[in-house]
PDB file of all heavy atoms in Angstrom:
ATOM      1  N   ASP A   1      12.307   3.029  -7.732  1.00  0.00           N
ATOM      2  CA  ASP A   1      12.010   4.469  -7.733  1.00  0.00           C
ATOM      3  C   ASP A   1      10.543   4.751  -8.046  1.00  0.00           C
ATOM      4  O   ASP A   1      10.096   5.887  -7.917  1.00  0.00           O
ATOM      5  CB  ASP A   1      12.893   5.199  -8.746  1.00  0.00           C
ATOM      6  CG  ASP A   1      14.355   5.217  -8.333  1.00  0.00           C
ATOM      7  OD1 ASP A   1      14.636   5.082  -7.130  1.00  0.00           O
ATOM      8  OD2 ASP A   1      15.215   5.358  -9.223  1.00  0.00           O
ATOM      9  N   GLU A   2       9.792   3.723  -8.439  1.00  0.00           N
ATOM     10  CA  GLU A   2       8.389   3.887  -8.796  1.00  0.00           C
ATOM     11  C   GLU A   2       7.438   3.274  -7.773  1.00  0.00           C
ATOM     12  O   GLU A   2       6.343   3.793  -7.553  1.00  0.00           O
ATOM     13  CB  GLU A   2       8.114   3.237 -10.156  1.00  0.00           C
ATOM     14  CG  GLU A   2       8.942   3.804 -11.282  1.00  0.00           C
ATOM     15  CD  GLU A   2       8.831   2.957 -12.535  1.00  0.00           C
ATOM     16  OE1 GLU A   2       7.760   2.363 -12.760  1.00  0.00           O
ATOM     17  OE2 GLU A   2       9.817   2.886 -13.280  1.00  0.00           O
ATOM     18  N   CYS A   3       7.846   2.138  -7.195  1.00  0.00           N
ATOM     19  CA  CYS A   3       6.936   1.422  -6.305  1.00  0.00           C
ATOM     20  C   CYS A   3       7.721   0.581  -5.308  1.00  0.00           C
ATOM     21  O   CYS A   3       8.939   0.568  -5.322  1.00  0.00           O
ATOM     22  CB  CYS A   3       5.977   0.545  -7.102  1.00  0.00           C
ATOM     23  SG  CYS A   3       6.787  -0.738  -8.061  1.00  0.00           S
ATOM     24  N   GLY A   4       7.004  -0.109  -4.443  1.00  0.00           N
ATOM     25  CA  GLY A   4       7.635  -0.976  -3.462  1.00  0.00           C
ATOM     26  C   GLY A   4       7.641  -0.402  -2.062  1.00  0.00           C
ATOM     27  O   GLY A   4       7.863  -1.120  -1.096  1.00  0.00           O
ATOM     28  N   SER A   5       7.395   0.892  -1.952  1.00  0.00           N
ATOM     29  CA  SER A   5       7.341   1.542  -0.642  1.00  0.00           C
ATOM     30  C   SER A   5       6.434   2.760  -0.730  1.00  0.00           C
ATOM     31  O   SER A   5       6.162   3.268  -1.813  1.00  0.00           O
ATOM     32  CB  SER A   5       8.746   1.961  -0.185  1.00  0.00           C
ATOM     33  OG  SER A   5       9.312   2.883  -1.095  1.00  0.00           O
ATOM     34  N   ILE A   6       5.984   3.205   0.432  1.00  0.00           N
ATOM     35  CA  ILE A   6       5.115   4.386   0.483  1.00  0.00           C
ATOM     36  C   ILE A   6       6.010   5.591   0.746  1.00  0.00           C
ATOM     37  O   ILE A   6       6.450   5.826   1.872  1.00  0.00           O
ATOM     38  CB  ILE A   6       4.037   4.242   1.573  1.00  0.00           C
ATOM     39  CG1 ILE A   6       3.176   3.011   1.293  1.00  0.00           C
ATOM     40  CG2 ILE A   6       3.179   5.508   1.654  1.00  0.00           C
ATOM     41  CD1 ILE A   6       2.187   2.672   2.389  1.00  0.00           C
ATOM     42  N   ARG A   7       6.309   6.326  -0.316  1.00  0.00           N
ATOM     43  CA  ARG A   7       7.190   7.500  -0.247  1.00  0.00           C
ATOM     44  C   ARG A   7       6.763   8.509  -1.305  1.00  0.00           C
ATOM     45  O   ARG A   7       6.124   8.143  -2.297  1.00  0.00           O
ATOM     46  CB  ARG A   7       8.636   7.083  -0.515  1.00  0.00           C
ATOM     47  CG  ARG A   7       9.183   6.157   0.531  1.00  0.00           C
ATOM     48  CD  ARG A   7      10.634   5.867   0.294  1.00  0.00           C
ATOM     49  NE  ARG A   7      11.053   4.943   1.334  1.00  0.00           N
ATOM     50  CZ  ARG A   7      12.130   4.214   1.282  1.00  0.00           C
ATOM     51  NH1 ARG A   7      12.930   4.306   0.259  1.00  0.00           N
ATOM     52  NH2 ARG A   7      12.450   3.401   2.258  1.00  0.00           N
ATOM     53  N   PRO A   8       7.153   9.756  -1.132  1.00  0.00           N
ATOM     54  CA  PRO A   8       6.842  10.749  -2.167  1.00  0.00           C
ATOM     55  C   PRO A   8       7.420  10.325  -3.519  1.00  0.00           C
ATOM     56  O   PRO A   8       8.539   9.814  -3.592  1.00  0.00           O
ATOM     57  CB  PRO A   8       7.524  12.019  -1.656  1.00  0.00           C
ATOM     58  CG  PRO A   8       7.626  11.824  -0.174  1.00  0.00           C
ATOM     59  CD  PRO A   8       7.840  10.358   0.028  1.00  0.00           C
ATOM     60  N   GLY A   9       6.630  10.488  -4.572  1.00  0.00           N
ATOM     61  CA  GLY A   9       7.075  10.169  -5.913  1.00  0.00           C
ATOM     62  C   GLY A   9       6.840   8.732  -6.332  1.00  0.00           C
ATOM     63  O   GLY A   9       7.044   8.372  -7.486  1.00  0.00           O
ATOM     64  N   ARG A  10       6.407   7.873  -5.415  1.00  0.00           N
ATOM     65  CA  ARG A  10       6.129   6.472  -5.744  1.00  0.00           C
ATOM     66  C   ARG A  10       4.652   6.316  -6.091  1.00  0.00           C
ATOM     67  O   ARG A  10       3.819   7.128  -5.720  1.00  0.00           O
ATOM     68  CB  ARG A  10       6.430   5.534  -4.562  1.00  0.00           C
ATOM     69  CG  ARG A  10       7.793   5.644  -3.943  1.00  0.00           C
ATOM     70  CD  ARG A  10       8.881   5.125  -4.874  1.00  0.00           C
ATOM     71  NE  ARG A  10      10.146   4.853  -4.207  1.00  0.00           N
ATOM     72  CZ  ARG A  10      11.038   5.772  -3.854  1.00  0.00           C
ATOM     73  NH1 ARG A  10      10.792   7.042  -4.049  1.00  0.00           N
ATOM     74  NH2 ARG A  10      12.188   5.406  -3.305  1.00  0.00           N
ATOM     75  N   ASP A  11       4.332   5.225  -6.798  1.00  0.00           N
ATOM     76  CA  ASP A  11       2.926   4.908  -7.052  1.00  0.00           C
ATOM     77  C   ASP A  11       2.235   4.711  -5.712  1.00  0.00           C
ATOM     78  O   ASP A  11       2.793   4.099  -4.814  1.00  0.00           O
ATOM     79  CB  ASP A  11       2.810   3.615  -7.867  1.00  0.00           C
ATOM     80  CG  ASP A  11       3.313   3.764  -9.292  1.00  0.00           C
ATOM     81  OD1 ASP A  11       3.458   4.912  -9.757  1.00  0.00           O
ATOM     82  OD2 ASP A  11       3.553   2.731  -9.932  1.00  0.00           O
ATOM     83  N   ALA A  12       1.045   5.231  -5.583  1.00  0.00           N
ATOM     84  CA  ALA A  12       0.297   5.104  -4.321  1.00  0.00           C
ATOM     85  C   ALA A  12      -0.605   3.877  -4.379  1.00  0.00           C
ATOM     86  O   ALA A  12      -1.820   3.954  -4.226  1.00  0.00           O
ATOM     87  CB  ALA A  12      -0.502   6.371  -4.046  1.00  0.00           C
ATOM     88  N   ASP A  13       0.011   2.713  -4.633  1.00  0.00           N
ATOM     89  CA  ASP A  13      -0.706   1.447  -4.644  1.00  0.00           C
ATOM     90  C   ASP A  13      -0.366   0.720  -3.354  1.00  0.00           C
ATOM     91  O   ASP A  13       0.791   0.345  -3.143  1.00  0.00           O
ATOM     92  CB  ASP A  13      -0.279   0.576  -5.835  1.00  0.00           C
ATOM     93  CG  ASP A  13      -0.538   1.235  -7.179  1.00  0.00           C
ATOM     94  OD1 ASP A  13      -1.471   2.055  -7.272  1.00  0.00           O
ATOM     95  OD2 ASP A  13       0.189   0.920  -8.135  1.00  0.00           O
ATOM     96  N   PHE A  14      -1.357   0.509  -2.493  1.00  0.00           N
ATOM     97  CA  PHE A  14      -1.079  -0.171  -1.233  1.00  0.00           C
ATOM     98  C   PHE A  14      -2.342  -0.799  -0.672  1.00  0.00           C
ATOM     99  O   PHE A  14      -3.445  -0.530  -1.136  1.00  0.00           O
ATOM    100  CB  PHE A  14      -0.454   0.786  -0.203  1.00  0.00           C
ATOM    101  CG  PHE A  14      -1.319   1.950   0.181  1.00  0.00           C
ATOM    102  CD1 PHE A  14      -2.144   1.888   1.295  1.00  0.00           C
ATOM    103  CD2 PHE A  14      -1.305   3.135  -0.556  1.00  0.00           C
ATOM    104  CE1 PHE A  14      -2.948   2.959   1.662  1.00  0.00           C
ATOM    105  CE2 PHE A  14      -2.088   4.207  -0.196  1.00  0.00           C
ATOM    106  CZ  PHE A  14      -2.918   4.117   0.919  1.00  0.00           C
ATOM    107  N   VAL A  15      -2.144  -1.668   0.315  1.00  0.00           N
ATOM    108  CA  VAL A  15      -3.255  -2.297   1.021  1.00  0.00           C
ATOM    109  C   VAL A  15      -3.100  -2.011   2.501  1.00  0.00           C
ATOM    110  O   VAL A  15      -2.007  -1.704   2.981  1.00  0.00           O
ATOM    111  CB  VAL A  15      -3.321  -3.823   0.786  1.00  0.00           C
ATOM    112  CG1 VAL A  15      -3.559  -4.138  -0.685  1.00  0.00           C
ATOM    113  CG2 VAL A  15      -2.089  -4.523   1.298  1.00  0.00           C
ATOM    114  N   VAL A  16      -4.198  -2.120   3.212  1.00  0.00           N
ATOM    115  CA  VAL A  16      -4.196  -1.995   4.666  1.00  0.00           C
ATOM    116  C   VAL A  16      -4.512  -3.379   5.227  1.00  0.00           C
ATOM    117  O   VAL A  16      -5.487  -4.015   4.812  1.00  0.00           O
ATOM    118  CB  VAL A  16      -5.244  -0.961   5.144  1.00  0.00           C
ATOM    119  CG1 VAL A  16      -5.258  -0.882   6.665  1.00  0.00           C
ATOM    120  CG2 VAL A  16      -4.973   0.399   4.517  1.00  0.00           C
ATOM    121  N   LEU A  17      -3.658  -3.843   6.145  1.00  0.00           N
ATOM    122  CA  LEU A  17      -3.830  -5.150   6.764  1.00  0.00           C
ATOM    123  C   LEU A  17      -4.068  -5.001   8.257  1.00  0.00           C
ATOM    124  O   LEU A  17      -3.603  -4.044   8.866  1.00  0.00           O
ATOM    125  CB  LEU A  17      -2.576  -6.011   6.545  1.00  0.00           C
ATOM    126  CG  LEU A  17      -2.117  -6.228   5.111  1.00  0.00           C
ATOM    127  CD1 LEU A  17      -0.787  -6.976   5.077  1.00  0.00           C
ATOM    128  CD2 LEU A  17      -3.170  -6.991   4.316  1.00  0.00           C
ATOM    129  N   THR A  18      -4.767  -5.952   8.835  1.00  0.00           N
ATOM    130  CA  THR A  18      -4.950  -5.980  10.292  1.00  0.00           C
ATOM    131  C   THR A  18      -3.689  -6.565  10.931  1.00  0.00           C
ATOM    132  O   THR A  18      -2.782  -7.020  10.237  1.00  0.00           O
ATOM    133  CB  THR A  18      -6.143  -6.869  10.682  1.00  0.00           C
ATOM    134  OG1 THR A  18      -5.864  -8.210  10.270  1.00  0.00           O
ATOM    135  CG2 THR A  18      -7.433  -6.370  10.058  1.00  0.00           C
ATOM    136  N   GLY A  19      -3.668  -6.603  12.246  1.00  0.00           N
ATOM    137  CA  GLY A  19      -2.542  -7.180  12.974  1.00  0.00           C
ATOM    138  C   GLY A  19      -2.316  -8.642  12.668  1.00  0.00           C
ATOM    139  O   GLY A  19      -1.190  -9.137  12.753  1.00  0.00           O
ATOM    140  N   ASP A  20      -3.390  -9.364  12.263  1.00  0.00           N
ATOM    141  CA  ASP A  20      -3.214 -10.774  11.904  1.00  0.00           C
ATOM    142  C   ASP A  20      -3.032 -10.954  10.397  1.00  0.00           C
ATOM    143  O   ASP A  20      -3.136 -12.051   9.869  1.00  0.00           O
ATOM    144  CB  ASP A  20      -4.376 -11.632  12.418  1.00  0.00           C
ATOM    145  CG  ASP A  20      -5.678 -11.402  11.659  1.00  0.00           C
ATOM    146  OD1 ASP A  20      -5.757 -10.480  10.822  1.00  0.00           O
ATOM    147  OD2 ASP A  20      -6.629 -12.169  11.901  1.00  0.00           O
ATOM    148  N   LEU A  21      -2.730  -9.863   9.689  1.00  0.00           N
ATOM    149  CA  LEU A  21      -2.433  -9.830   8.253  1.00  0.00           C
ATOM    150  C   LEU A  21      -3.644 -10.116   7.370  1.00  0.00           C
ATOM    151  O   LEU A  21      -3.503 -10.552   6.231  1.00  0.00           O
ATOM    152  CB  LEU A  21      -1.265 -10.765   7.912  1.00  0.00           C
ATOM    153  CG  LEU A  21       0.059 -10.415   8.591  1.00  0.00           C
ATOM    154  CD1 LEU A  21       1.113 -11.473   8.287  1.00  0.00           C
ATOM    155  CD2 LEU A  21       0.546  -9.032   8.175  1.00  0.00           C
ATOM    156  N   SER A  22      -4.830  -9.844   7.871  1.00  0.00           N
ATOM    157  CA  SER A  22      -6.031  -9.948   7.040  1.00  0.00           C
ATOM    158  C   SER A  22      -6.237  -8.626   6.305  1.00  0.00           C
ATOM    159  O   SER A  22      -5.946  -7.549   6.837  1.00  0.00           O
ATOM    160  CB  SER A  22      -7.260 -10.251   7.900  1.00  0.00           C
ATOM    161  OG  SER A  22      -7.126 -11.506   8.521  1.00  0.00           O
ATOM    162  N   LEU A  23      -6.758  -8.716   5.092  1.00  0.00           N
ATOM    163  CA  LEU A  23      -6.962  -7.534   4.262  1.00  0.00           C
ATOM    164  C   LEU A  23      -8.122  -6.682   4.780  1.00  0.00           C
ATOM    165  O   LEU A  23      -9.210  -7.195   5.052  1.00  0.00           O
ATOM    166  CB  LEU A  23      -7.245  -7.954   2.822  1.00  0.00           C
ATOM    167  CG  LEU A  23      -7.458  -6.837   1.810  1.00  0.00           C
ATOM    168  CD1 LEU A  23      -6.190  -6.004   1.646  1.00  0.00           C
ATOM    169  CD2 LEU A  23      -7.896  -7.422   0.475  1.00  0.00           C
ATOM    170  N   VAL A  24      -7.894  -5.373   4.903  1.00  0.00           N
ATOM    171  CA  VAL A  24      -8.920  -4.424   5.336  1.00  0.00           C
ATOM    172  C   VAL A  24      -9.370  -3.541   4.179  1.00  0.00           C
ATOM    173  O   VAL A  24     -10.555  -3.330   3.955  1.00  0.00           O
ATOM    174  CB  VAL A  24      -8.398  -3.524   6.486  1.00  0.00           C
ATOM    175  CG1 VAL A  24      -9.406  -2.440   6.831  1.00  0.00           C
ATOM    176  CG2 VAL A  24      -8.049  -4.352   7.695  1.00  0.00           C
ATOM    177  N   GLU A  25      -8.383  -3.011   3.433  1.00  0.00           N
ATOM    178  CA  GLU A  25      -8.714  -2.056   2.378  1.00  0.00           C
ATOM    179  C   GLU A  25      -7.629  -2.065   1.304  1.00  0.00           C
ATOM    180  O   GLU A  25      -6.467  -2.332   1.589  1.00  0.00           O
ATOM    181  CB  GLU A  25      -8.850  -0.658   2.988  1.00  0.00           C
ATOM    182  CG  GLU A  25      -9.643   0.311   2.166  1.00  0.00           C
ATOM    183  CD  GLU A  25     -10.100   1.542   2.970  1.00  0.00           C
ATOM    184  OE1 GLU A  25      -9.759   1.641   4.167  1.00  0.00           O
ATOM    185  OE2 GLU A  25     -10.793   2.384   2.384  1.00  0.00           O
ATOM    186  N   THR A  26      -8.039  -1.759   0.059  1.00  0.00           N
ATOM    187  CA  THR A  26      -7.127  -1.729  -1.085  1.00  0.00           C
ATOM    188  C   THR A  26      -7.158  -0.346  -1.725  1.00  0.00           C
ATOM    189  O   THR A  26      -8.230   0.193  -1.980  1.00  0.00           O
ATOM    190  CB  THR A  26      -7.540  -2.798  -2.124  1.00  0.00           C
ATOM    191  OG1 THR A  26      -7.563  -4.067  -1.481  1.00  0.00           O
ATOM    192  CG2 THR A  26      -6.569  -2.839  -3.273  1.00  0.00           C
ATOM    193  N   TYR A  27      -5.966   0.191  -2.002  1.00  0.00           N
ATOM    194  CA  TYR A  27      -5.806   1.519  -2.586  1.00  0.00           C
ATOM    195  C   TYR A  27      -4.922   1.488  -3.830  1.00  0.00           C
ATOM    196  O   TYR A  27      -3.722   1.676  -3.729  1.00  0.00           O
ATOM    197  CB  TYR A  27      -5.143   2.461  -1.581  1.00  0.00           C
ATOM    198  CG  TYR A  27      -5.987   2.918  -0.434  1.00  0.00           C
ATOM    199  CD1 TYR A  27      -6.122   2.139   0.701  1.00  0.00           C
ATOM    200  CD2 TYR A  27      -6.631   4.153  -0.468  1.00  0.00           C
ATOM    201  CE1 TYR A  27      -6.881   2.564   1.775  1.00  0.00           C
ATOM    202  CE2 TYR A  27      -7.392   4.593   0.601  1.00  0.00           C
ATOM    203  CZ  TYR A  27      -7.505   3.782   1.715  1.00  0.00           C
ATOM    204  OH  TYR A  27      -8.269   4.216   2.784  1.00  0.00           O
ATOM    205  N   PRO A  28      -5.457   1.285  -5.011  1.00  0.00           N
ATOM    206  CA  PRO A  28      -4.635   1.505  -6.208  1.00  0.00           C
ATOM    207  C   PRO A  28      -4.683   2.990  -6.550  1.00  0.00           C
ATOM    208  O   PRO A  28      -5.745   3.618  -6.513  1.00  0.00           O
ATOM    209  CB  PRO A  28      -5.308   0.654  -7.280  1.00  0.00           C
ATOM    210  CG  PRO A  28      -6.728   0.527  -6.841  1.00  0.00           C
ATOM    211  CD  PRO A  28      -6.728   0.658  -5.327  1.00  0.00           C
ATOM    212  N   GLY A  29      -3.525   3.555  -6.875  1.00  0.00           N
ATOM    213  CA  GLY A  29      -3.484   4.965  -7.233  1.00  0.00           C
ATOM    214  C   GLY A  29      -3.927   5.884  -6.127  1.00  0.00           C
ATOM    215  O   GLY A  29      -4.356   7.011  -6.376  1.00  0.00           O
TER     216      GLY A  29
END
């Protein structure tokens, strides 16, 4: 109910990956 997916009410901690799963950007909070 706090994290694990991007949904309303969840922590907005996520990363953006390219199609080959390389890291593009990091978003804590």
